[in-house]
C-alpha atoms as a PDB file:
ATOM      1  CA  MET A   1      -1.913  -7.544  -7.805  1.00  0.00           C
ATOM      2  CA  ASN A   2      -1.094  -8.049 -11.412  1.00  0.00           C
ATOM      3  CA  LEU A   3      -3.869  -5.769 -12.403  1.00  0.00           C
ATOM      4  CA  THR A   4      -2.222  -3.079 -10.219  1.00  0.00           C
ATOM      5  CA  ARG A   5       0.471  -1.168  -8.342  1.00  0.00           C
ATOM      6  CA  LEU A   6       2.759  -0.765  -5.217  1.00  0.00           C
ATOM      7  CA  LEU A   7       3.832   0.038  -3.143  1.00  0.00           C
ATOM      8  CA  ILE A   8       2.911  -2.185  -1.988  1.00  0.00           C
ATOM      9  CA  PRO A   9       0.462  -4.587  -4.179  1.00  0.00           C
ATOM     10  CA  VAL A  10      -2.748  -2.804  -3.606  1.00  0.00           C
ATOM     11  CA  LEU A  11      -5.102  -3.297  -6.469  1.00  0.00           C
ATOM     12  CA  LEU A  12      -6.330  -0.090  -8.047  1.00  0.00           C
ATOM     13  CA  GLY A  13      -4.254   1.969  -5.656  1.00  0.00           C
ATOM     14  CA  LEU A  14      -6.139   1.019  -2.477  1.00  0.00           C
ATOM     15  CA  LEU A  15      -3.433   1.194   0.092  1.00  0.00           C
ATOM     16  CA  VAL A  16       1.083   1.076  -0.661  1.00  0.00           C
ATOM     17  CA  TRP A  17       0.337  -1.380   4.369  1.00  0.00           C
ATOM     18  CA  GLY A  18       1.280 -11.164  11.322  1.00  0.00           C
ATOM     19  CA  CYS A  19       1.800 -14.537  11.432  1.00  0.00           C
ATOM     20  CA  THR A  20      -1.417 -16.224  12.434  1.00  0.00           C
ATOM     21  CA  GLN A  21      -0.764 -19.338  10.394  1.00  0.00           C
ATOM     22  CA  GLY A  22       2.287 -21.522  10.000  1.00  0.00           C
ATOM     23  CA  THR A  23       4.263 -21.519   6.793  1.00  0.00           C
ATOM     24  CA  GLY A  24       3.944 -25.228   6.199  1.00  0.00           C
ATOM     25  CA  ASN A  25       0.367 -25.183   4.909  1.00  0.00           C
ATOM     26  CA  ASN A  26      -1.060 -24.422   1.465  1.00  0.00           C
ATOM     27  CA  LEU A  27       2.281 -24.453  -0.305  1.00  0.00           C
ATOM     28  CA  ARG A  28       0.912 -25.046  -3.802  1.00  0.00           C
ATOM     29  CA  ALA A  29       0.407 -22.064  -6.046  1.00  0.00           C
ATOM     30  CA  PRO A  30      -3.144 -20.735  -6.441  1.00  0.00           C
ATOM     31  CA  ARG A  31      -4.923 -22.406  -9.310  1.00  0.00           C
ATOM     32  CA  LYS A  32      -5.531 -20.415 -12.443  1.00  0.00           C
ATOM     33  CA  ALA A  33      -8.889 -19.414 -13.862  1.00  0.00           C
ATOM     34  CA  THR A  34     -10.499 -22.361 -15.637  1.00  0.00           C
ATOM     35  CA  ASN A  35     -10.825 -20.630 -18.985  1.00  0.00           C
ATOM     36  CA  GLU A  36     -10.305 -17.415 -20.861  1.00  0.00           C
ATOM     37  CA  ALA A  37     -13.909 -16.318 -20.328  1.00  0.00           C
ATOM     38  CA  VAL A  38     -13.358 -16.044 -16.575  1.00  0.00           C
ATOM     39  CA  SER A  39     -10.215 -13.963 -17.001  1.00  0.00           C
ATOM     40  CA  ALA A  40     -11.834 -11.802 -19.657  1.00  0.00           C
ATOM     41  CA  ASN A  41     -14.836 -11.028 -17.463  1.00  0.00           C
ATOM     42  CA  ILE A  42     -12.640 -10.243 -14.451  1.00  0.00           C
ATOM     43  CA  ASN A  43     -10.464  -7.922 -16.545  1.00  0.00           C
ATOM     44  CA  LEU A  44     -13.552  -6.149 -17.853  1.00  0.00           C
ATOM     45  CA  GLY A  45     -14.883  -5.873 -14.307  1.00  0.00           C
ATOM     46  CA  VAL A  46     -11.633  -4.250 -13.195  1.00  0.00           C
ATOM     47  CA  GLU A  47     -11.713  -1.808 -16.105  1.00  0.00           C
ATOM     48  CA  TYR A  48     -15.325  -0.841 -15.409  1.00  0.00           C
ATOM     49  CA  MET A  49     -14.421  -0.383 -11.744  1.00  0.00           C
ATOM     50  CA  ARG A  50     -11.581   1.974 -12.716  1.00  0.00           C
ATOM     51  CA  GLN A  51     -14.069   3.964 -14.770  1.00  0.00           C
ATOM     52  CA  GLY A  52     -16.555   4.128 -11.902  1.00  0.00           C
ATOM     53  CA  SER A  53     -19.119   1.991 -13.761  1.00  0.00           C
ATOM     54  CA  TYR A  54     -19.868  -0.196 -10.771  1.00  0.00           C
ATOM     55  CA  GLU A  55     -23.039  -1.845 -12.047  1.00  0.00           C
ATOM     56  CA  LEU A  56     -21.266  -3.007 -15.191  1.00  0.00           C
ATOM     57  CA  ALA A  57     -18.332  -4.202 -13.086  1.00  0.00           C
ATOM     58  CA  LEU A  58     -20.697  -6.262 -10.950  1.00  0.00           C
ATOM     59  CA  GLU A  59     -22.269  -7.783 -14.049  1.00  0.00           C
ATOM     60  CA  LYS A  60     -18.872  -8.940 -15.292  1.00  0.00           C
ATOM     61  CA  LEU A  61     -17.866 -10.354 -11.929  1.00  0.00           C
ATOM     62  CA  ASP A  62     -21.208 -12.138 -11.628  1.00  0.00           C
ATOM     63  CA  ARG A  63     -20.554 -13.645 -15.058  1.00  0.00           C
ATOM     64  CA  ALA A  64     -17.075 -14.796 -14.042  1.00  0.00           C
ATOM     65  CA  ARG A  65     -18.465 -16.366 -10.870  1.00  0.00           C
ATOM     66  CA  SER A  66     -21.190 -18.185 -12.787  1.00  0.00           C
ATOM     67  CA  ILE A  67     -18.559 -19.780 -15.022  1.00  0.00           C
ATOM     68  CA  ASP A  68     -16.256 -20.804 -12.168  1.00  0.00           C
ATOM     69  CA  PRO A  69     -17.719 -20.335  -8.661  1.00  0.00           C
ATOM     70  CA  GLY A  70     -14.485 -21.539  -7.044  1.00  0.00           C
ATOM     71  CA  TYR A  71     -12.000 -19.094  -8.539  1.00  0.00           C
ATOM     72  CA  TYR A  72     -10.551 -16.995  -5.725  1.00  0.00           C
ATOM     73  CA  ASN A  73      -9.616 -13.869  -7.669  1.00  0.00           C
ATOM     74  CA  THR A  74     -13.225 -13.146  -8.587  1.00  0.00           C
ATOM     75  CA  TYR A  75     -14.004 -12.735  -4.881  1.00  0.00           C
ATOM     76  CA  ASN A  76     -10.855 -10.676  -4.387  1.00  0.00           C
ATOM     77  CA  ILE A  77     -12.067  -8.186  -7.008  1.00  0.00           C
ATOM     78  CA  TYR A  78     -15.596  -8.298  -5.588  1.00  0.00           C
ATOM     79  CA  GLY A  79     -14.073  -7.231  -2.262  1.00  0.00           C
ATOM     80  CA  LEU A  80     -12.280  -4.281  -3.830  1.00  0.00           C
ATOM     81  CA  LEU A  81     -15.382  -3.267  -5.746  1.00  0.00           C
ATOM     82  CA  TYR A  82     -17.705  -3.388  -2.744  1.00  0.00           C
ATOM     83  CA  GLN A  83     -15.104  -1.464  -0.736  1.00  0.00           C
ATOM     84  CA  ARG A  84     -15.138   1.256  -3.379  1.00  0.00           C
ATOM     85  CA  MET A  85     -18.907   1.282  -3.245  1.00  0.00           C
ATOM     86  CA  GLY A  86     -18.829   1.766   0.527  1.00  0.00           C
ATOM     87  CA  GLN A  87     -20.492  -1.590   1.200  1.00  0.00           C
ATOM     88  CA  ASN A  88     -17.971  -2.803   3.753  1.00  0.00           C
ATOM     89  CA  SER A  89     -19.907  -5.809   5.036  1.00  0.00           C
ATOM     90  CA  GLU A  90     -20.162  -7.188   1.497  1.00  0.00           C
ATOM     91  CA  ALA A  91     -16.516  -6.352   0.883  1.00  0.00           C
ATOM     92  CA  GLU A  92     -15.387  -8.219   3.986  1.00  0.00           C
ATOM     93  CA  LYS A  93     -17.531 -11.234   3.119  1.00  0.00           C
ATOM     94  CA  HIS A  94     -15.975 -11.489  -0.333  1.00  0.00           C
ATOM     95  CA  PHE A  95     -12.428 -10.872   0.882  1.00  0.00           C
ATOM     96  CA  ARG A  96     -12.844 -13.682   3.404  1.00  0.00           C
ATOM     97  CA  LYS A  97     -14.144 -15.941   0.653  1.00  0.00           C
ATOM     98  CA  ALA A  98     -11.121 -15.073  -1.487  1.00  0.00           C
ATOM     99  CA  VAL A  99      -8.756 -15.821   1.406  1.00  0.00           C
ATOM    100  CA  SER A 100     -10.428 -19.184   2.021  1.00  0.00           C
ATOM    101  CA  LEU A 101      -9.930 -20.183  -1.624  1.00  0.00           C
ATOM    102  CA  ALA A 102      -6.585 -18.571  -2.370  1.00  0.00           C
ATOM    103  CA  ASN A 103      -4.053 -20.852  -0.662  1.00  0.00           C
ATOM    104  CA  ASN A 104      -2.396 -17.967   1.189  1.00  0.00           C
ATOM    105  CA  ASP A 105      -2.042 -15.838  -1.939  1.00  0.00           C
ATOM    106  CA  SER A 106      -0.092 -12.773  -0.791  1.00  0.00           C
ATOM    107  CA  GLU A 107      -1.946 -10.434  -3.135  1.00  0.00           C
ATOM    108  CA  VAL A 108      -5.295 -11.375  -1.643  1.00  0.00           C
ATOM    109  CA  LEU A 109      -3.927 -11.106   1.891  1.00  0.00           C
ATOM    110  CA  ASN A 110      -2.482  -7.649   1.190  1.00  0.00           C
ATOM    111  CA  ASN A 111      -5.803  -6.418  -0.193  1.00  0.00           C
ATOM    112  CA  PHE A 112      -7.734  -7.857   2.741  1.00  0.00           C
ATOM    113  CA  GLY A 113      -5.239  -6.461   5.229  1.00  0.00           C
ATOM    114  CA  GLN A 114      -5.552  -3.003   3.755  1.00  0.00           C
ATOM    115  CA  PHE A 115      -9.325  -3.259   3.912  1.00  0.00           C
ATOM    116  CA  LEU A 116      -9.160  -4.181   7.594  1.00  0.00           C
ATOM    117  CA  CYS A 117      -6.755  -1.336   8.322  1.00  0.00           C
ATOM    118  CA  GLN A 118      -8.875   1.226   6.515  1.00  0.00           C
ATOM    119  CA  THR A 119     -12.058   0.089   8.220  1.00  0.00           C
ATOM    120  CA  GLY A 120     -10.719   0.302  11.767  1.00  0.00           C
ATOM    121  CA  SER A 121      -9.271  -3.113  12.568  1.00  0.00           C
ATOM    122  CA  PRO A 122      -5.486  -2.506  12.616  1.00  0.00           C
ATOM    123  CA  ASP A 123      -4.658  -5.473  14.842  1.00  0.00           C
ATOM    124  CA  ASP A 124      -6.493  -7.875  12.545  1.00  0.00           C
ATOM    125  CA  ALA A 125      -4.886  -6.189   9.551  1.00  0.00           C
ATOM    126  CA  GLU A 126      -1.430  -6.719  11.044  1.00  0.00           C
ATOM    127  CA  ASP A 127      -2.147 -10.425  11.510  1.00  0.00           C
ATOM    128  CA  VAL A 128      -3.175 -10.700   7.857  1.00  0.00           C
ATOM    129  CA  PHE A 129      -0.115  -8.810   6.583  1.00  0.00           C
ATOM    130  CA  LEU A 130       2.223 -10.932   8.674  1.00  0.00           C
ATOM    131  CA  GLN A 131       0.490 -14.053   7.398  1.00  0.00           C
ATOM    132  CA  ALA A 132       1.473 -12.874   3.929  1.00  0.00           C
ATOM    133  CA  VAL A 133       5.046 -12.243   5.125  1.00  0.00           C
ATOM    134  CA  ALA A 134       5.254 -15.763   6.531  1.00  0.00           C
ATOM    135  CA  ASN A 135       4.102 -17.378   3.288  1.00  0.00           C
ATOM    136  CA  PRO A 136       7.194 -18.879   1.591  1.00  0.00           C
ATOM    137  CA  LEU A 137       5.542 -18.371  -1.801  1.00  0.00           C
ATOM    138  CA  ASN A 138       5.409 -14.618  -1.275  1.00  0.00           C
ATOM    139  CA  LYS A 139       8.058 -13.198  -3.623  1.00  0.00           C
ATOM    140  CA  THR A 140       7.824  -9.708  -2.109  1.00  0.00           C
ATOM    141  CA  PRO A 141       7.433 -10.043   1.674  1.00  0.00           C
ATOM    142  CA  GLU A 142       8.884  -6.535   2.006  1.00  0.00           C
ATOM    143  CA  VAL A 143       5.672  -5.219   0.444  1.00  0.00           C
ATOM    144  CA  SER A 144       3.564  -6.938   3.074  1.00  0.00           C
ATOM    145  CA  LEU A 145       5.861  -5.626   5.823  1.00  0.00           C
ATOM    146  CA  THR A 146       5.566  -2.109   4.424  1.00  0.00           C
ATOM    147  CA  ASN A 147       1.788  -2.453   4.398  1.00  0.00           C
ATOM    148  CA  ALA A 148       1.899  -3.607   8.017  1.00  0.00           C
ATOM    149  CA  ALA A 149       4.119  -0.651   8.905  1.00  0.00           C
ATOM    150  CA  MET A 150       1.835   1.870   7.217  1.00  0.00           C
ATOM    151  CA  CYS A 151      -1.145   0.444   9.072  1.00  0.00           C
ATOM    152  CA  ALA A 152       0.702   0.585  12.385  1.00  0.00           C
ATOM    153  CA  GLN A 153       1.714   4.180  11.698  1.00  0.00           C
ATOM    154  CA  ARG A 154      -1.841   5.067  10.768  1.00  0.00           C
ATOM    155  CA  SER A 155      -3.061   3.732  14.109  1.00  0.00           C
ATOM    156  CA  GLY A 156      -0.425   5.650  16.072  1.00  0.00           C
ATOM    157  CA  ARG A 157       1.947   2.777  16.829  1.00  0.00           C
ATOM    158  CA  GLN A 158       5.151   4.487  15.737  1.00  0.00           C
ATOM    159  CA  ASP A 159       7.585   2.032  17.339  1.00  0.00           C
ATOM    160  CA  GLN A 160       5.889  -0.935  15.683  1.00  0.00           C
ATOM    161  CA  ALA A 161       5.784   0.911  12.371  1.00  0.00           C
ATOM    162  CA  GLU A 162       9.500   1.691  12.531  1.00  0.00           C
ATOM    163  CA  ASP A 163      10.299  -1.953  13.256  1.00  0.00           C
ATOM    164  CA  PHE A 164       8.291  -3.127  10.241  1.00  0.00           C
ATOM    165  CA  TYR A 165       9.820  -0.484   7.941  1.00  0.00           C
ATOM    166  CA  ARG A 166      13.321  -1.510   8.993  1.00  0.00           C
ATOM    167  CA  ARG A 167      12.531  -5.174   8.442  1.00  0.00           C
ATOM    168  CA  ALA A 168      11.155  -4.361   5.005  1.00  0.00           C
ATOM    169  CA  LEU A 169      14.277  -2.382   4.125  1.00  0.00           C
ATOM    170  CA  ASP A 170      16.469  -5.235   5.326  1.00  0.00           C
ATOM    171  CA  LEU A 171      14.801  -7.367   2.655  1.00  0.00           C
ATOM    172  CA  ASN A 172      14.804  -4.664  -0.014  1.00  0.00           C
ATOM    173  CA  PRO A 173      16.734  -1.443   0.685  1.00  0.00           C
ATOM    174  CA  ARG A 174      15.043   0.410  -2.171  1.00  0.00           C
ATOM    175  CA  ILE A 175      11.361   0.524  -1.220  1.00  0.00           C
ATOM    176  CA  PRO A 176      10.302   4.152  -1.754  1.00  0.00           C
ATOM    177  CA  ASP A 177       7.318   4.058   0.596  1.00  0.00           C
ATOM    178  CA  ALA A 178       9.408   2.637   3.438  1.00  0.00           C
ATOM    179  CA  LEU A 179      12.275   5.069   2.822  1.00  0.00           C
ATOM    180  CA  ILE A 180      10.182   8.231   2.784  1.00  0.00           C
ATOM    181  CA  ARG A 181       8.263   7.199   5.865  1.00  0.00           C
ATOM    182  CA  MET A 182      11.476   6.359   7.713  1.00  0.00           C
ATOM    183  CA  ALA A 183      12.715   9.819   6.750  1.00  0.00           C
ATOM    184  CA  GLN A 184       9.580  11.252   8.334  1.00  0.00           C
ATOM    185  CA  ILE A 185       9.858   9.116  11.470  1.00  0.00           C
ATOM    186  CA  THR A 186      13.543   9.863  12.078  1.00  0.00           C
ATOM    187  CA  GLN A 187      12.976  13.584  11.496  1.00  0.00           C
ATOM    188  CA  GLU A 188      10.171  13.559  14.060  1.00  0.00           C
ATOM    189  CA  GLN A 189      12.595  11.833  16.455  1.00  0.00           C
ATOM    190  CA  GLY A 190      15.015  14.748  16.030  1.00  0.00           C
ATOM    191  CA  ASN A 191      17.560  12.788  13.976  1.00  0.00           C
ATOM    192  CA  SER A 192      17.844  15.039  10.934  1.00  0.00           C
ATOM    193  CA  LEU A 193      21.042  13.445   9.605  1.00  0.00           C
ATOM    194  CA  SER A 194      19.378  10.034   9.487  1.00  0.00           C
ATOM    195  CA  ALA A 195      16.267  11.604   7.966  1.00  0.00           C
ATOM    196  CA  ARG A 196      18.389  13.216   5.246  1.00  0.00           C
ATOM    197  CA  ALA A 197      20.011   9.864   4.470  1.00  0.00           C
ATOM    198  CA  PHE A 198      16.629   8.145   4.118  1.00  0.00           C
ATOM    199  CA  LEU A 199      15.354  10.966   1.901  1.00  0.00           C
ATOM    200  CA  GLN A 200      18.426  10.768  -0.319  1.00  0.00           C
ATOM    201  CA  ARG A 201      17.948   7.014  -0.688  1.00  0.00           C
ATOM    202  CA  TYR A 202      14.294   7.595  -1.539  1.00  0.00           C
ATOM    203  CA  LEU A 203      15.235  10.037  -4.297  1.00  0.00           C
ATOM    204  CA  LYS A 204      17.443   7.469  -6.022  1.00  0.00           C
ATOM    205  CA  ASP A 205      14.315   5.612  -7.169  1.00  0.00           C
ATOM    206  CA  ALA A 206      11.462   8.091  -6.787  1.00  0.00           C
ATOM    207  CA  LYS A 207      10.637  11.642  -7.748  1.00  0.00           C
ATOM    208  CA  HIS A 208       9.913  14.430  -5.334  1.00  0.00           C
ATOM    209  CA  THR A 209       6.347  14.990  -4.233  1.00  0.00           C
ATOM    210  CA  ALA A 210       4.960  17.970  -2.370  1.00  0.00           C
ATOM    211  CA  GLN A 211       5.231  15.922   0.821  1.00  0.00           C
ATOM    212  CA  SER A 212       8.858  14.902   0.260  1.00  0.00           C
ATOM    213  CA  LEU A 213       9.870  18.472  -0.615  1.00  0.00           C
ATOM    214  CA  TRP A 214       8.243  19.844   2.527  1.00  0.00           C
ATOM    215  CA  LEU A 215       9.932  17.143   4.577  1.00  0.00           C
ATOM    216  CA  GLY A 216      13.240  17.988   2.916  1.00  0.00           C
ATOM    217  CA  ILE A 217      12.784  21.650   3.801  1.00  0.00           C
ATOM    218  CA  GLN A 218      12.261  20.772   7.451  1.00  0.00           C
ATOM    219  CA  ILE A 219      15.281  18.453   7.462  1.00  0.00           C
ATOM    220  CA  GLU A 220      17.619  20.946   5.840  1.00  0.00           C
ATOM    221  CA  ARG A 221      16.447  23.801   8.057  1.00  0.00           C
ATOM    222  CA  GLU A 222      17.417  21.720  11.057  1.00  0.00           C
ATOM    223  CA  LEU A 223      20.809  20.971   9.487  1.00  0.00           C
ATOM    224  CA  GLY A 224      21.401  24.565   8.477  1.00  0.00           C
ATOM    225  CA  ASP A 225      21.696  24.016   4.719  1.00  0.00           C
ATOM    226  CA  GLU A 226      19.953  27.162   3.500  1.00  0.00           C
ATOM    227  CA  ASN A 227      20.881  26.597  -0.155  1.00  0.00           C
ATOM    228  CA  THR A 228      19.084  23.261  -0.221  1.00  0.00           C
ATOM    229  CA  VAL A 229      16.162  24.749   1.700  1.00  0.00           C
ATOM    230  CA  SER A 230      15.840  27.436  -0.974  1.00  0.00           C
ATOM    231  CA  SER A 231      16.099  24.867  -3.768  1.00  0.00           C
ATOM    232  CA  TYR A 232      13.401  22.654  -2.222  1.00  0.00           C
ATOM    233  CA  ALA A 233      11.184  25.670  -1.556  1.00  0.00           C
ATOM    234  CA  LEU A 234      11.473  26.855  -5.165  1.00  0.00           C
ATOM    235  CA  SER A 235      10.657  23.389  -6.461  1.00  0.00           C
ATOM    236  CA  LEU A 236       7.659  23.091  -4.138  1.00  0.00           C
ATOM    237  CA  ARG A 237       6.234  26.448  -5.229  1.00  0.00           C
ATOM    238  CA  ASN A 238       6.853  25.829  -8.936  1.00  0.00           C
ATOM    239  CA  ASN A 239       5.718  22.203  -9.163  1.00  0.00           C
ATOM    240  CA  PHE A 240       3.022  21.930  -6.487  1.00  0.00           C
ATOM    241  CA  PRO A 241       1.628  25.467  -6.097  1.00  0.00           C
ATOM    242  CA  GLN A 242      -1.846  24.314  -4.992  1.00  0.00           C
ATOM    243  CA  SER A 243      -0.664  21.766  -2.446  1.00  0.00           C
ATOM    244  CA  LYS A 244      -1.199  22.095   1.281  1.00  0.00           C
ATOM    245  CA  GLU A 245       2.589  21.886   1.641  1.00  0.00           C
ATOM    246  CA  ALA A 246       3.001  24.991  -0.529  1.00  0.00           C
ATOM    247  CA  ALA A 247       0.511  26.756   1.738  1.00  0.00           C
ATOM    248  CA  LEU A 248       2.517  25.679   4.778  1.00  0.00           C
ATOM    249  CA  LEU A 249       5.642  26.993   3.100  1.00  0.00           C
ATOM    250  CA  ASP A 250       4.012  30.370   2.536  1.00  0.00           C
ATOM    251  CA  GLN A 251       2.866  30.463   6.151  1.00  0.00           C
ATOM    252  CA  SER A 252       6.404  29.717   7.313  1.00  0.00           C
ATOM    253  CA  GLY A 253       7.720  32.928   5.758  1.00  0.00           C
ATOM    254  CA  LEU A 254      10.466  31.159   3.812  1.00  0.00           C
ATOM    255  CA  ARG A 255      11.477  32.659   0.471  1.00  0.00           C
END
């Protein structure tokens, strides 16, 4: 994303979740913006989008497009902006334009895949994510696999999700999103020892959240470690007192 985060490269935090094309095509790197004005207008558009100033963001993206109508990343950001605005048909149109221009750019494919997943097309999203995985220029295929896994999990396909998470962790054993979700999956399967191991690996590179603390409480209750249960419960109450997990803790009667 380069203007962004992952978990998974999802610009502006839009979730972070198929090989429909061969890996022999479009091997050259995506071309850069033609001049600094294009990049400057895109960066301003992104900043206005972060601030919620959507009309100003559109103005800057329109300006970038007028300077270079063939630059893929302008359409990528258009897609994210229209998605934020709730205009999904416009978002999809611009994402597809970005994909057509981007030479299999994994960032664009991840953003488009997440859009498809969030708007109710998980099978199409999986194809797009796996297209990104298959791209030999993708330096972080584990991110695309994690995105695919999260989408599969969201649509209730737990077995497929677990397979993708494991494949992602084979490529990079330290992906926090994959580790915490594997902890959740293995705990739900009744394998608390495995769940504990995934949670411990997660905590080597990430901090506890309300969700991870609540999961840890459930794991350690199953394993009979009351000291750790008490420690997690105290941390959850002190650090996330307004969370739904803290409410669940109170309802459970644990002290």
